[in-house]
Amino acid sequence: MADRVSTPHLQQGRIPVRSLKGSDPVASEVLRDMVYLDELDRQAGIVNNNIVFAWRRAAAECSPTDAKVWSALQAALFAAIIVQRILYPGSVHQYPHHKTQKESRDFARRRGQRLRDLLGEAADAEIIRLTKDVRDPFEHVDERLDQLMTPDAIALSDWYISTGRALLTPETGAGSTGYGLRVFYPEGGFLYFGREKLDLYVLDLAMLRLRAAIGVAQGDLQKKIRGRNLFGGSQLVDLLPEGGAHQRAEYWLAERQEFGHGLTHPTGG
């Protein structure tokens, strides 16, 4: 792992700080690539954990519309897209340290290629790029719903866990009166949005392979770091005045209680 230092902040815990500048240009590039590798590992782990959670909970015969299952599936999709964008960047905004958007786009593309070179075949899994086909309609579900609201629309089948059968929009599409959108088939390992489907088994295994490759790449990169890395430049601030956080939490908890969704403060306060 990259050289890191943690700074104590009152009694609240430790703040992680990592260096982005080494003793030479090679060390600096390694330290920065390690940031991306750590993020890839973090997001791939989120994909794995949420797929497993959704699969186990659905297998335990929860409600067909269980919100926790769908929350986990959406979290997995979100994290998978972050992995995709790090490895295969598309259009990006102009970064502050660049003069043009093209310069930023070229920077991102070089970063993606460099990381793919480091990770080899694990970064080339087709499923990483295919995730977008299902994730995009999940994000833009408002538009997908708008498209269904035609004068002849009769019924919608959506947001449920299937045991092997599902109601999908007819292939003809035009003139359909019955629509099918989000379906999770846990035993088969598929997540659907309409007729687009994502193989969650393949995605999960691809993320495990990616994480294994990340571990190897991190070990190889660490050997290239020589000398001491630099730290500093950050400003330590109090995010709220003393007592402010507790007051905000107490207000929030009291309001939740009014809605019938009370919580117990983790500190017991």
Protein backbone atom coordinates (compact mmCIF):
# COMPACT_ATOMS: atom_id res chain seq x y z
CA MET A 1 0.00 0.00 0.00
CA ALA A 2 1.08 3.62 -0.51
CA ASP A 3 2.79 5.49 2.32
CA ARG A 4 0.13 7.05 4.56
CA VAL A 5 -0.05 9.10 7.73
CA SER A 6 -3.09 9.53 9.97
CA THR A 7 -3.63 12.73 11.96
CA PRO A 8 -5.56 12.72 15.27
CA HIS A 9 -8.50 15.13 15.41
CA LEU A 10 -9.56 15.74 19.01
CA GLN A 11 -10.99 12.47 20.31
CA GLN A 12 -13.04 11.74 17.21
CA GLY A 13 -10.62 9.40 15.49
CA ARG A 14 -7.87 9.50 12.92
CA ILE A 15 -7.89 11.26 9.56
CA PRO A 16 -6.20 9.33 6.75
CA VAL A 17 -3.70 11.31 4.68
CA ARG A 18 -1.76 9.92 1.74
CA SER A 19 1.11 11.39 -0.20
CA LEU A 20 0.76 12.32 -3.87
CA LYS A 21 4.35 13.46 -4.30
CA GLY A 22 7.36 11.20 -3.92
CA SER A 23 11.10 11.77 -3.92
CA ASP A 24 11.26 11.51 -7.73
CA PRO A 25 8.87 11.57 -10.73
CA VAL A 26 8.59 7.77 -10.81
CA ALA A 27 7.58 7.63 -7.14
CA SER A 28 5.03 10.42 -7.67
CA GLU A 29 3.42 8.57 -10.59
CA VAL A 30 3.27 5.38 -8.54
CA LEU A 31 1.67 7.15 -5.58
CA ARG A 32 -0.99 8.62 -7.85
CA ASP A 33 -1.72 5.36 -9.64
CA MET A 34 -2.13 3.75 -6.22
CA VAL A 35 -4.96 6.21 -5.50
CA TYR A 36 -6.88 4.92 -8.52
CA LEU A 37 -6.11 1.29 -7.68
CA ASP A 38 -7.39 1.75 -4.14
CA GLU A 39 -10.57 3.34 -5.46
CA LEU A 40 -11.06 0.50 -7.93
CA ASP A 41 -10.63 -2.04 -5.14
CA ARG A 42 -13.04 -0.13 -2.90
CA GLN A 43 -15.77 0.12 -5.54
CA ALA A 44 -15.32 -3.46 -6.76
CA GLY A 45 -15.74 -4.58 -3.15
CA ILE A 46 -18.99 -2.62 -2.91
CA VAL A 47 -20.22 -4.43 -6.02
CA ASN A 48 -19.34 -7.83 -4.51
CA ASN A 49 -20.83 -7.10 -1.09
CA ASN A 50 -24.13 -5.78 -2.42
CA ILE A 51 -24.65 -8.54 -4.97
CA VAL A 52 -24.11 -11.12 -2.24
CA PHE A 53 -26.42 -9.26 0.16
CA ALA A 54 -29.22 -9.00 -2.42
CA TRP A 55 -28.81 -12.64 -3.46
CA ARG A 56 -28.88 -13.96 0.11
CA ARG A 57 -31.80 -11.82 1.21
CA ALA A 58 -33.85 -12.72 -1.85
CA ALA A 59 -33.05 -16.41 -1.33
CA ALA A 60 -34.34 -16.11 2.24
CA GLU A 61 -37.87 -15.60 0.83
CA CYS A 62 -38.27 -11.93 1.62
CA SER A 63 -41.07 -9.86 0.11
CA PRO A 64 -41.04 -9.85 -3.74
CA THR A 65 -40.67 -6.07 -3.59
CA ASP A 66 -38.17 -5.98 -0.70
CA ALA A 67 -36.63 -2.49 -0.56
CA LYS A 68 -33.36 -3.66 1.00
CA VAL A 69 -32.71 -6.02 -1.92
CA TRP A 70 -33.31 -3.24 -4.42
CA SER A 71 -31.21 -0.78 -2.42
CA ALA A 72 -28.30 -3.24 -2.59
CA LEU A 73 -28.75 -3.81 -6.32
CA GLN A 74 -28.74 -0.09 -7.05
CA ALA A 75 -25.62 0.35 -4.89
CA ALA A 76 -23.91 -2.45 -6.83
CA LEU A 77 -24.79 -0.79 -10.15
CA PHE A 78 -23.54 2.60 -8.97
CA ALA A 79 -20.21 1.15 -7.84
CA ALA A 80 -19.82 -0.88 -11.04
CA ILE A 81 -20.17 2.27 -13.12
CA ILE A 82 -17.43 3.96 -11.07
CA VAL A 83 -15.17 1.00 -11.89
CA GLN A 84 -16.08 1.35 -15.56
CA ARG A 85 -15.37 5.09 -15.63
CA ILE A 86 -11.99 4.72 -13.96
CA LEU A 87 -10.90 2.02 -16.41
CA TYR A 88 -12.76 3.31 -19.49
CA PRO A 89 -13.24 7.08 -19.08
CA GLY A 90 -15.61 8.77 -21.47
CA SER A 91 -16.39 12.45 -21.78
CA VAL A 92 -15.07 14.47 -18.85
CA HIS A 93 -15.35 18.08 -17.75
CA GLN A 94 -12.33 20.35 -18.04
CA TYR A 95 -10.13 19.95 -14.96
CA PRO A 96 -8.88 23.10 -13.18
CA HIS A 97 -5.22 22.31 -13.92
CA HIS A 98 -5.84 21.97 -17.68
CA LYS A 99 -6.39 24.70 -20.26
CA THR A 100 -8.92 22.83 -22.42
CA GLN A 101 -11.47 20.05 -22.14
CA LYS A 102 -9.50 18.05 -24.70
CA GLU A 103 -6.45 18.18 -22.47
CA SER A 104 -8.53 16.81 -19.60
CA ARG A 105 -10.07 14.14 -21.81
CA ASP A 106 -6.64 13.02 -23.00
CA PHE A 107 -5.41 12.95 -19.40
CA ALA A 108 -8.31 10.70 -18.39
CA ARG A 109 -7.80 8.39 -21.36
CA ARG A 110 -4.10 7.98 -20.58
CA ARG A 111 -4.99 7.23 -16.97
CA GLY A 112 -7.48 4.56 -18.04
CA GLN A 113 -5.01 2.96 -20.42
CA ARG A 114 -2.25 3.00 -17.81
CA LEU A 115 -4.47 1.27 -15.26
CA ARG A 116 -5.65 -1.31 -17.77
CA ASP A 117 -2.03 -2.06 -18.61
CA LEU A 118 -1.27 -2.54 -14.91
CA LEU A 119 -4.23 -4.88 -14.36
CA GLY A 120 -4.04 -6.89 -17.58
CA GLU A 121 -6.88 -9.21 -18.57
CA ALA A 122 -8.86 -8.55 -15.39
CA ALA A 123 -9.54 -5.00 -16.60
CA ASP A 124 -10.69 -6.17 -20.03
CA ALA A 125 -13.76 -8.08 -18.82
CA GLU A 126 -16.61 -7.26 -21.20
CA ILE A 127 -19.11 -7.23 -18.33
CA ILE A 128 -17.48 -4.06 -16.98
CA ARG A 129 -18.55 -2.18 -20.09
CA LEU A 130 -21.94 -3.91 -20.39
CA THR A 131 -23.05 -2.75 -16.93
CA LYS A 132 -23.94 0.62 -18.42
CA ASP A 133 -26.78 -0.91 -20.49
CA VAL A 134 -28.77 -1.69 -17.33
CA ARG A 135 -27.44 0.97 -15.01
CA ASP A 136 -28.41 3.89 -17.26
CA PRO A 137 -32.16 3.10 -17.34
CA PHE A 138 -32.07 2.57 -13.56
CA GLU A 139 -30.70 6.09 -13.16
CA HIS A 140 -33.04 7.62 -15.75
CA VAL A 141 -36.11 5.71 -14.63
CA ASP A 142 -38.15 8.93 -14.73
CA GLU A 143 -37.62 9.15 -18.48
CA ARG A 144 -38.37 5.45 -18.96
CA LEU A 145 -41.65 5.87 -17.06
CA ASP A 146 -42.52 8.96 -19.12
CA GLN A 147 -42.07 6.94 -22.29
CA LEU A 148 -44.67 4.42 -21.13
CA MET A 149 -47.39 6.94 -20.37
CA THR A 150 -49.07 6.68 -23.76
CA PRO A 151 -52.86 6.90 -24.19
CA ASP A 152 -53.09 3.13 -24.77
CA ALA A 153 -50.96 2.10 -21.77
CA ILE A 154 -52.84 -0.37 -19.57
CA ALA A 155 -50.49 -2.03 -17.07
CA LEU A 156 -46.95 -1.98 -15.66
CA SER A 157 -45.01 -4.84 -14.03
CA ASP A 158 -41.98 -3.47 -12.17
CA TRP A 159 -39.63 -3.69 -9.16
CA TYR A 160 -39.99 -7.30 -8.06
CA ILE A 161 -38.01 -10.44 -7.32
CA SER A 162 -38.75 -13.29 -9.71
CA THR A 163 -38.62 -17.04 -9.10
CA GLY A 164 -38.11 -17.69 -12.79
CA ARG A 165 -40.90 -15.98 -14.72
CA ALA A 166 -41.45 -12.34 -15.56
CA LEU A 167 -43.78 -10.05 -17.45
CA LEU A 168 -41.72 -8.12 -19.99
CA THR A 169 -42.65 -5.53 -22.58
CA PRO A 170 -43.50 -7.34 -25.84
CA GLU A 171 -40.66 -7.30 -28.34
CA THR A 172 -42.73 -5.33 -30.84
CA GLY A 173 -42.52 -2.35 -28.47
CA ALA A 174 -44.65 0.07 -30.49
CA GLY A 175 -48.29 0.02 -29.54
CA SER A 176 -47.74 -2.13 -26.44
CA THR A 177 -50.25 -1.74 -23.66
CA GLY A 178 -48.47 -3.85 -21.00
CA TYR A 179 -44.96 -2.99 -19.84
CA GLY A 180 -42.28 -4.73 -17.78
CA LEU A 181 -39.28 -2.93 -16.30
CA ARG A 182 -37.15 -3.87 -13.25
CA VAL A 183 -36.87 -7.56 -12.39
CA PHE A 184 -34.35 -9.39 -10.22
CA TYR A 185 -34.02 -13.14 -10.79
CA PRO A 186 -31.65 -14.18 -7.97
CA GLU A 187 -31.37 -17.90 -8.69
CA GLY A 188 -30.61 -17.24 -12.35
CA GLY A 189 -28.30 -14.38 -11.41
CA PHE A 190 -29.90 -11.79 -13.70
CA LEU A 191 -31.02 -8.21 -13.21
CA TYR A 192 -33.39 -6.82 -15.86
CA PHE A 193 -34.57 -3.43 -16.97
CA GLY A 194 -37.06 -4.12 -19.71
CA ARG A 195 -35.34 -6.49 -22.10
CA GLU A 196 -31.86 -5.34 -21.12
CA LYS A 197 -30.28 -7.76 -18.66
CA LEU A 198 -27.12 -7.87 -16.59
CA ASP A 199 -25.47 -11.12 -15.51
CA LEU A 200 -24.73 -10.49 -11.84
CA TYR A 201 -22.84 -13.76 -11.43
CA VAL A 202 -20.41 -12.77 -14.18
CA LEU A 203 -20.15 -9.22 -12.80
CA ASP A 204 -19.41 -10.47 -9.29
CA LEU A 205 -16.67 -12.82 -10.47
CA ALA A 206 -15.19 -10.13 -12.71
CA MET A 207 -14.90 -7.82 -9.72
CA LEU A 208 -13.22 -10.55 -7.66
CA ARG A 209 -10.69 -11.10 -10.44
CA LEU A 210 -10.13 -7.37 -10.69
CA ARG A 211 -9.47 -7.10 -6.96
CA ALA A 212 -6.96 -9.95 -7.14
CA ALA A 213 -5.17 -8.19 -10.00
CA ILE A 214 -5.19 -4.93 -8.05
CA GLY A 215 -3.42 -6.63 -5.15
CA VAL A 216 -0.67 -7.88 -7.46
CA ALA A 217 -0.30 -4.50 -9.17
CA GLN A 218 -0.09 -2.68 -5.84
CA GLY A 219 2.73 -4.97 -4.70
CA ASP A 220 4.66 -4.38 -7.92
CA LEU A 221 4.21 -0.62 -7.78
CA GLN A 222 5.23 -0.36 -4.14
CA LYS A 223 8.69 -1.67 -5.06
CA LYS A 224 9.26 1.39 -7.28
CA ILE A 225 8.96 3.89 -4.44
CA ARG A 226 12.29 5.13 -3.12
CA GLY A 227 13.00 7.66 -0.40
CA ARG A 228 10.52 9.67 1.62
CA ASN A 229 7.17 10.87 0.34
CA LEU A 230 5.93 14.42 0.93
CA PHE A 231 2.92 15.47 3.01
CA GLY A 232 1.23 18.72 3.89
CA GLY A 233 -0.85 21.49 2.35
CA SER A 234 -4.22 20.52 3.85
CA GLN A 235 -6.17 22.71 6.25
CA LEU A 236 -7.58 21.18 9.43
CA VAL A 237 -11.00 22.66 10.27
CA ASP A 238 -13.89 21.95 12.63
CA LEU A 239 -16.89 20.98 10.51
CA LEU A 240 -19.36 22.31 13.10
CA PRO A 241 -19.01 24.36 16.28
CA GLU A 242 -18.74 22.45 19.55
CA GLY A 243 -22.04 20.77 20.37
CA GLY A 244 -23.48 21.55 16.95
CA ALA A 245 -23.36 17.99 15.66
CA HIS A 246 -25.17 16.60 18.70
CA GLN A 247 -27.90 19.22 18.41
CA ARG A 248 -28.41 18.45 14.72
CA ALA A 249 -28.58 14.72 15.40
CA GLU A 250 -31.09 15.18 18.22
CA TYR A 251 -33.32 17.33 15.99
CA TRP A 252 -33.17 14.78 13.18
CA LEU A 253 -33.96 11.88 15.52
CA ALA A 254 -36.90 13.77 17.02
CA GLU A 255 -38.30 14.51 13.55
CA ARG A 256 -37.99 10.85 12.52
CA GLN A 257 -39.86 9.90 15.67
CA GLU A 258 -42.72 12.15 14.56
CA PHE A 259 -42.96 10.18 11.32
CA GLY A 260 -43.01 6.87 13.20
CA HIS A 261 -39.48 5.89 12.17
CA GLY A 262 -37.61 6.51 15.41
CA LEU A 263 -33.96 5.55 15.88
CA THR A 264 -31.74 5.08 18.90
CA HIS A 265 -28.69 7.34 19.03
CA PRO A 266 -25.60 5.09 18.68
CA THR A 267 -23.86 6.95 21.54
CA GLY A 268 -26.84 6.46 23.81
CA GLY A 269 -27.19 10.22 24.16
